N, C-alpha and C. Protein backbone atom coordinates (compact mmCIF):
# COMPACT_ATOMS: atom_id res chain seq x y z
N MET A 1 -145.61 -93.31 15.45
CA MET A 1 -146.21 -92.03 15.14
C MET A 1 -145.80 -91.02 16.21
N THR A 2 -145.51 -89.81 15.78
CA THR A 2 -145.17 -88.74 16.70
C THR A 2 -146.37 -88.44 17.59
N GLU A 3 -146.15 -88.16 18.85
CA GLU A 3 -147.24 -87.80 19.76
C GLU A 3 -147.98 -86.59 19.18
N ASN A 4 -149.30 -86.69 19.13
CA ASN A 4 -150.09 -85.66 18.47
C ASN A 4 -151.44 -85.55 19.18
N ASP A 5 -151.59 -84.52 19.98
CA ASP A 5 -152.84 -84.34 20.71
C ASP A 5 -153.79 -83.37 20.03
N THR A 6 -153.54 -83.04 18.76
CA THR A 6 -154.47 -82.19 18.05
C THR A 6 -155.73 -82.97 17.71
N LEU A 7 -156.74 -82.25 17.29
CA LEU A 7 -157.98 -82.87 16.83
C LEU A 7 -157.67 -83.91 15.74
N PHE A 8 -156.77 -83.56 14.84
CA PHE A 8 -156.45 -84.48 13.75
C PHE A 8 -155.71 -85.71 14.25
N GLY A 9 -154.85 -85.55 15.25
CA GLY A 9 -154.19 -86.70 15.85
C GLY A 9 -155.19 -87.67 16.43
N LYS A 10 -156.23 -87.14 17.05
CA LYS A 10 -157.28 -87.99 17.62
C LYS A 10 -158.07 -88.70 16.53
N ILE A 11 -158.27 -88.03 15.39
CA ILE A 11 -158.94 -88.68 14.25
C ILE A 11 -158.05 -89.80 13.70
N ILE A 12 -156.76 -89.54 13.55
CA ILE A 12 -155.84 -90.57 13.05
C ILE A 12 -155.89 -91.80 13.94
N ARG A 13 -155.93 -91.60 15.25
CA ARG A 13 -155.94 -92.72 16.20
C ARG A 13 -157.34 -93.30 16.40
N ARG A 14 -158.33 -92.74 15.70
CA ARG A 14 -159.74 -93.19 15.78
C ARG A 14 -160.32 -92.98 17.17
N GLU A 15 -159.82 -91.97 17.87
CA GLU A 15 -160.35 -91.63 19.20
C GLU A 15 -161.61 -90.79 19.10
N ILE A 16 -161.77 -90.08 18.00
CA ILE A 16 -163.01 -89.35 17.74
C ILE A 16 -163.45 -89.70 16.33
N PRO A 17 -164.76 -89.67 16.07
CA PRO A 17 -165.24 -90.09 14.76
C PRO A 17 -164.97 -89.07 13.67
N ALA A 18 -164.82 -89.57 12.47
CA ALA A 18 -164.70 -88.76 11.26
C ALA A 18 -165.18 -89.62 10.10
N THR A 19 -165.68 -88.97 9.07
CA THR A 19 -166.07 -89.69 7.86
C THR A 19 -164.84 -89.77 6.96
N ILE A 20 -164.15 -90.89 7.09
CA ILE A 20 -162.90 -91.10 6.35
C ILE A 20 -163.24 -91.57 4.94
N VAL A 21 -162.67 -90.88 3.95
CA VAL A 21 -162.96 -91.20 2.55
C VAL A 21 -161.71 -91.65 1.79
N TYR A 22 -160.55 -91.48 2.40
CA TYR A 22 -159.29 -91.85 1.75
C TYR A 22 -158.28 -92.21 2.82
N GLU A 23 -157.52 -93.26 2.57
CA GLU A 23 -156.43 -93.60 3.48
C GLU A 23 -155.40 -94.43 2.75
N ASP A 24 -154.15 -94.08 2.97
CA ASP A 24 -153.05 -94.92 2.55
C ASP A 24 -152.03 -94.91 3.69
N GLU A 25 -150.85 -95.40 3.43
CA GLU A 25 -149.83 -95.51 4.48
C GLU A 25 -149.45 -94.16 5.09
N HIS A 26 -149.52 -93.09 4.28
CA HIS A 26 -149.01 -91.79 4.70
C HIS A 26 -150.07 -90.71 4.94
N VAL A 27 -151.24 -90.87 4.32
CA VAL A 27 -152.23 -89.79 4.27
C VAL A 27 -153.61 -90.31 4.68
N LEU A 28 -154.33 -89.45 5.40
CA LEU A 28 -155.72 -89.72 5.75
C LEU A 28 -156.56 -88.59 5.19
N GLY A 29 -157.68 -88.92 4.55
CA GLY A 29 -158.61 -87.93 4.03
C GLY A 29 -159.97 -88.13 4.64
N PHE A 30 -160.59 -87.04 5.09
CA PHE A 30 -161.91 -87.14 5.72
C PHE A 30 -162.72 -85.88 5.44
N LYS A 31 -164.04 -86.00 5.57
CA LYS A 31 -164.94 -84.88 5.29
C LYS A 31 -164.79 -83.81 6.36
N ASP A 32 -164.76 -82.56 5.92
CA ASP A 32 -164.72 -81.42 6.84
C ASP A 32 -166.07 -81.32 7.54
N ILE A 33 -166.07 -81.03 8.83
CA ILE A 33 -167.33 -80.94 9.57
C ILE A 33 -168.07 -79.62 9.34
N ALA A 34 -167.41 -78.65 8.73
CA ALA A 34 -168.04 -77.37 8.38
C ALA A 34 -167.71 -77.07 6.91
N PRO A 35 -168.30 -77.85 5.99
CA PRO A 35 -167.91 -77.75 4.58
C PRO A 35 -168.17 -76.37 3.98
N GLN A 36 -167.22 -75.94 3.15
CA GLN A 36 -167.31 -74.67 2.43
C GLN A 36 -167.70 -74.88 0.97
N ALA A 37 -167.94 -76.11 0.58
CA ALA A 37 -168.37 -76.48 -0.77
C ALA A 37 -169.06 -77.84 -0.66
N PRO A 38 -169.82 -78.24 -1.68
CA PRO A 38 -170.47 -79.56 -1.61
C PRO A 38 -169.50 -80.70 -1.32
N VAL A 39 -168.29 -80.60 -1.85
CA VAL A 39 -167.22 -81.56 -1.52
C VAL A 39 -166.15 -80.76 -0.78
N HIS A 40 -165.87 -81.15 0.45
CA HIS A 40 -164.82 -80.49 1.23
C HIS A 40 -164.14 -81.56 2.06
N ILE A 41 -162.98 -81.99 1.56
CA ILE A 41 -162.22 -83.07 2.19
C ILE A 41 -160.91 -82.51 2.71
N LEU A 42 -160.50 -82.95 3.89
CA LEU A 42 -159.21 -82.59 4.46
C LEU A 42 -158.26 -83.77 4.30
N PHE A 43 -157.06 -83.50 3.83
CA PHE A 43 -156.01 -84.52 3.70
C PHE A 43 -154.90 -84.15 4.66
N ILE A 44 -154.52 -85.10 5.52
CA ILE A 44 -153.52 -84.85 6.55
C ILE A 44 -152.44 -85.92 6.54
N PRO A 45 -151.21 -85.56 6.93
CA PRO A 45 -150.18 -86.59 7.09
C PRO A 45 -150.46 -87.40 8.35
N LYS A 46 -150.22 -88.70 8.28
CA LYS A 46 -150.52 -89.57 9.41
C LYS A 46 -149.37 -89.73 10.39
N GLN A 47 -148.14 -89.79 9.93
CA GLN A 47 -147.04 -90.16 10.81
C GLN A 47 -146.30 -89.00 11.43
N VAL A 48 -146.40 -87.81 10.88
CA VAL A 48 -145.56 -86.70 11.32
C VAL A 48 -146.43 -85.52 11.69
N LEU A 49 -146.22 -84.96 12.87
CA LEU A 49 -146.92 -83.74 13.26
C LEU A 49 -146.07 -82.55 12.83
N ILE A 50 -146.61 -81.77 11.91
CA ILE A 50 -146.00 -80.53 11.47
C ILE A 50 -147.08 -79.47 11.68
N PRO A 51 -146.90 -78.55 12.62
CA PRO A 51 -147.98 -77.63 12.97
C PRO A 51 -148.41 -76.69 11.84
N THR A 52 -147.45 -76.07 11.14
CA THR A 52 -147.79 -75.10 10.10
C THR A 52 -146.88 -75.30 8.90
N LEU A 53 -147.23 -74.66 7.80
CA LEU A 53 -146.37 -74.71 6.62
C LEU A 53 -145.00 -74.12 6.93
N ASP A 54 -144.96 -73.12 7.83
CA ASP A 54 -143.67 -72.52 8.20
C ASP A 54 -142.75 -73.50 8.93
N ASP A 55 -143.30 -74.59 9.43
CA ASP A 55 -142.50 -75.59 10.14
C ASP A 55 -141.95 -76.67 9.21
N LEU A 56 -142.32 -76.61 7.93
CA LEU A 56 -141.82 -77.61 6.98
C LEU A 56 -140.31 -77.49 6.81
N GLN A 57 -139.68 -78.62 6.62
CA GLN A 57 -138.26 -78.72 6.34
C GLN A 57 -138.09 -79.40 4.98
N PRO A 58 -136.91 -79.29 4.37
CA PRO A 58 -136.71 -79.93 3.06
C PRO A 58 -137.08 -81.42 3.05
N GLU A 59 -136.85 -82.10 4.15
CA GLU A 59 -137.16 -83.54 4.18
C GLU A 59 -138.66 -83.82 4.17
N HIS A 60 -139.50 -82.80 4.31
CA HIS A 60 -140.95 -82.98 4.27
C HIS A 60 -141.53 -82.81 2.87
N ALA A 61 -140.69 -82.52 1.88
CA ALA A 61 -141.19 -82.27 0.52
C ALA A 61 -142.00 -83.45 -0.01
N GLU A 62 -141.52 -84.65 0.19
CA GLU A 62 -142.25 -85.82 -0.31
C GLU A 62 -143.60 -85.95 0.38
N LEU A 63 -143.65 -85.68 1.66
CA LEU A 63 -144.91 -85.78 2.40
C LEU A 63 -145.94 -84.78 1.88
N VAL A 64 -145.54 -83.55 1.64
CA VAL A 64 -146.46 -82.55 1.10
C VAL A 64 -146.92 -82.97 -0.29
N GLY A 65 -146.01 -83.51 -1.08
CA GLY A 65 -146.39 -84.04 -2.38
C GLY A 65 -147.41 -85.15 -2.28
N ARG A 66 -147.28 -85.98 -1.27
CA ARG A 66 -148.25 -87.07 -1.06
C ARG A 66 -149.65 -86.52 -0.76
N LEU A 67 -149.74 -85.40 -0.02
CA LEU A 67 -151.04 -84.79 0.25
C LEU A 67 -151.70 -84.35 -1.06
N VAL A 68 -150.92 -83.69 -1.92
CA VAL A 68 -151.43 -83.20 -3.20
C VAL A 68 -151.83 -84.37 -4.09
N LEU A 69 -151.00 -85.39 -4.16
CA LEU A 69 -151.32 -86.55 -4.99
C LEU A 69 -152.57 -87.27 -4.48
N ALA A 70 -152.73 -87.36 -3.18
CA ALA A 70 -153.93 -88.00 -2.62
C ALA A 70 -155.18 -87.22 -3.01
N ALA A 71 -155.12 -85.90 -2.92
CA ALA A 71 -156.27 -85.07 -3.30
C ALA A 71 -156.61 -85.25 -4.78
N ALA A 72 -155.61 -85.23 -5.64
CA ALA A 72 -155.85 -85.41 -7.07
C ALA A 72 -156.42 -86.79 -7.37
N HIS A 73 -155.89 -87.81 -6.71
CA HIS A 73 -156.41 -89.17 -6.88
C HIS A 73 -157.88 -89.23 -6.48
N TYR A 74 -158.20 -88.65 -5.34
CA TYR A 74 -159.59 -88.66 -4.86
C TYR A 74 -160.50 -87.93 -5.85
N ALA A 75 -160.07 -86.78 -6.37
CA ALA A 75 -160.88 -86.02 -7.33
C ALA A 75 -161.15 -86.85 -8.58
N ARG A 76 -160.15 -87.53 -9.09
CA ARG A 76 -160.36 -88.39 -10.26
C ARG A 76 -161.28 -89.56 -9.93
N GLU A 77 -161.01 -90.20 -8.79
CA GLU A 77 -161.80 -91.37 -8.38
C GLU A 77 -163.28 -91.02 -8.20
N GLN A 78 -163.56 -89.83 -7.69
CA GLN A 78 -164.94 -89.42 -7.42
C GLN A 78 -165.62 -88.79 -8.64
N GLY A 79 -164.87 -88.56 -9.71
CA GLY A 79 -165.45 -88.11 -10.95
C GLY A 79 -165.63 -86.61 -11.11
N PHE A 80 -165.02 -85.81 -10.27
CA PHE A 80 -165.17 -84.36 -10.44
C PHE A 80 -163.88 -83.67 -10.87
N ALA A 81 -162.86 -84.41 -11.18
CA ALA A 81 -161.59 -83.81 -11.59
C ALA A 81 -161.73 -83.02 -12.89
N GLU A 82 -162.50 -83.53 -13.85
CA GLU A 82 -162.64 -82.84 -15.13
C GLU A 82 -163.37 -81.51 -14.97
N ASP A 83 -164.32 -81.42 -14.04
CA ASP A 83 -165.03 -80.15 -13.82
C ASP A 83 -164.15 -79.15 -13.08
N GLY A 84 -163.23 -79.65 -12.29
CA GLY A 84 -162.30 -78.80 -11.56
C GLY A 84 -162.49 -78.87 -10.06
N TYR A 85 -161.45 -78.51 -9.37
CA TYR A 85 -161.45 -78.51 -7.91
C TYR A 85 -160.38 -77.56 -7.44
N ARG A 86 -160.42 -77.23 -6.17
CA ARG A 86 -159.45 -76.31 -5.58
C ARG A 86 -158.78 -77.02 -4.41
N VAL A 87 -157.47 -76.80 -4.25
CA VAL A 87 -156.76 -77.25 -3.06
C VAL A 87 -156.19 -76.02 -2.36
N VAL A 88 -156.29 -76.02 -1.04
CA VAL A 88 -155.87 -74.87 -0.24
C VAL A 88 -155.15 -75.39 1.00
N MET A 89 -154.07 -74.71 1.37
CA MET A 89 -153.40 -74.96 2.64
C MET A 89 -153.25 -73.62 3.34
N ASN A 90 -153.81 -73.51 4.52
CA ASN A 90 -153.74 -72.28 5.31
C ASN A 90 -152.57 -72.34 6.27
N CYS A 91 -151.98 -71.18 6.54
CA CYS A 91 -150.86 -71.12 7.48
C CYS A 91 -151.13 -70.04 8.52
N ARG A 92 -151.39 -70.46 9.71
CA ARG A 92 -151.61 -69.61 10.89
C ARG A 92 -152.99 -68.95 10.89
N GLU A 93 -153.29 -68.27 11.98
CA GLU A 93 -154.62 -67.75 12.26
C GLU A 93 -155.15 -66.80 11.20
N HIS A 94 -154.35 -65.84 10.75
CA HIS A 94 -154.85 -64.84 9.80
C HIS A 94 -155.24 -65.47 8.46
N ALA A 95 -154.71 -66.63 8.17
CA ALA A 95 -155.06 -67.33 6.94
C ALA A 95 -156.22 -68.30 7.16
N GLY A 96 -156.65 -68.46 8.40
CA GLY A 96 -157.77 -69.34 8.70
C GLY A 96 -157.42 -70.69 9.26
N GLN A 97 -156.14 -70.92 9.58
CA GLN A 97 -155.76 -72.21 10.16
C GLN A 97 -156.28 -72.30 11.58
N THR A 98 -157.05 -73.35 11.88
CA THR A 98 -157.61 -73.54 13.22
C THR A 98 -157.07 -74.79 13.91
N VAL A 99 -156.56 -75.75 13.14
CA VAL A 99 -155.94 -76.94 13.71
C VAL A 99 -154.48 -76.90 13.28
N PHE A 100 -153.59 -76.95 14.25
CA PHE A 100 -152.17 -76.80 13.97
C PHE A 100 -151.51 -78.15 13.73
N HIS A 101 -151.88 -78.71 12.61
CA HIS A 101 -151.39 -79.96 12.03
C HIS A 101 -151.61 -79.73 10.54
N ILE A 102 -150.53 -79.61 9.76
CA ILE A 102 -150.72 -79.22 8.36
C ILE A 102 -151.77 -80.11 7.70
N HIS A 103 -152.53 -79.48 6.82
CA HIS A 103 -153.58 -80.19 6.10
C HIS A 103 -153.92 -79.45 4.82
N LEU A 104 -154.43 -80.20 3.89
CA LEU A 104 -154.81 -79.68 2.59
C LEU A 104 -156.32 -79.80 2.48
N HIS A 105 -156.97 -78.71 2.08
CA HIS A 105 -158.41 -78.72 1.83
C HIS A 105 -158.64 -78.99 0.34
N LEU A 106 -159.53 -79.91 0.03
CA LEU A 106 -159.99 -80.15 -1.33
C LEU A 106 -161.43 -79.67 -1.39
N LEU A 107 -161.70 -78.72 -2.28
CA LEU A 107 -163.04 -78.14 -2.44
C LEU A 107 -163.51 -78.39 -3.86
N ALA A 108 -164.76 -78.85 -4.00
CA ALA A 108 -165.29 -79.15 -5.33
C ALA A 108 -166.80 -79.30 -5.24
N GLY A 109 -167.38 -79.64 -6.39
CA GLY A 109 -168.80 -79.94 -6.43
C GLY A 109 -169.69 -78.80 -6.85
N THR A 110 -169.11 -77.63 -7.09
CA THR A 110 -169.83 -76.48 -7.58
C THR A 110 -168.81 -75.54 -8.20
N GLN A 111 -169.30 -74.55 -8.95
CA GLN A 111 -168.38 -73.54 -9.47
C GLN A 111 -167.96 -72.69 -8.29
N LEU A 112 -166.67 -72.61 -8.05
CA LEU A 112 -166.13 -71.85 -6.93
C LEU A 112 -165.88 -70.42 -7.36
N GLY A 113 -166.13 -69.49 -6.44
CA GLY A 113 -165.94 -68.07 -6.73
C GLY A 113 -164.48 -67.68 -6.73
N ARG A 114 -164.25 -66.39 -6.90
CA ARG A 114 -162.88 -65.88 -6.88
C ARG A 114 -162.24 -66.21 -5.56
N PHE A 115 -160.95 -66.36 -5.60
CA PHE A 115 -160.21 -66.81 -4.42
C PHE A 115 -159.32 -65.68 -3.90
N GLY A 116 -159.22 -65.58 -2.59
CA GLY A 116 -158.23 -64.69 -1.99
C GLY A 116 -158.75 -63.36 -1.51
N ALA A 117 -160.05 -63.12 -1.59
CA ALA A 117 -160.59 -61.85 -1.11
C ALA A 117 -160.50 -61.81 0.41
N PRO A 118 -160.07 -60.67 0.98
CA PRO A 118 -159.99 -60.60 2.44
C PRO A 118 -161.37 -60.66 3.07
N VAL A 119 -161.42 -61.14 4.30
CA VAL A 119 -162.69 -61.24 5.03
C VAL A 119 -163.02 -59.90 5.63
């Protein structure tokens, strides 16, 4: 694993606690500590540290796909896929990124409002 001293790297290494709800060889999913919906799960790549979406390279396409597939699998497994869910990836501070390790937010469990309004 690439050296990763971010908060998420510490969660991957089990150095700090997290409520892990999904894990496979490539992806870890855990509950957000400040949920924005009744279901708010973060999906992160385990082996590669990529700080932002702008740092992605063509060889990372499969990894990003794995994040999306993991979120969809979790939504189906938990029974809320038919009602709907939202996936979001923030890039840099103005978009709300606070941990510089790419991650996908899965939000569900209620009717979500309009998306994209400025703060």
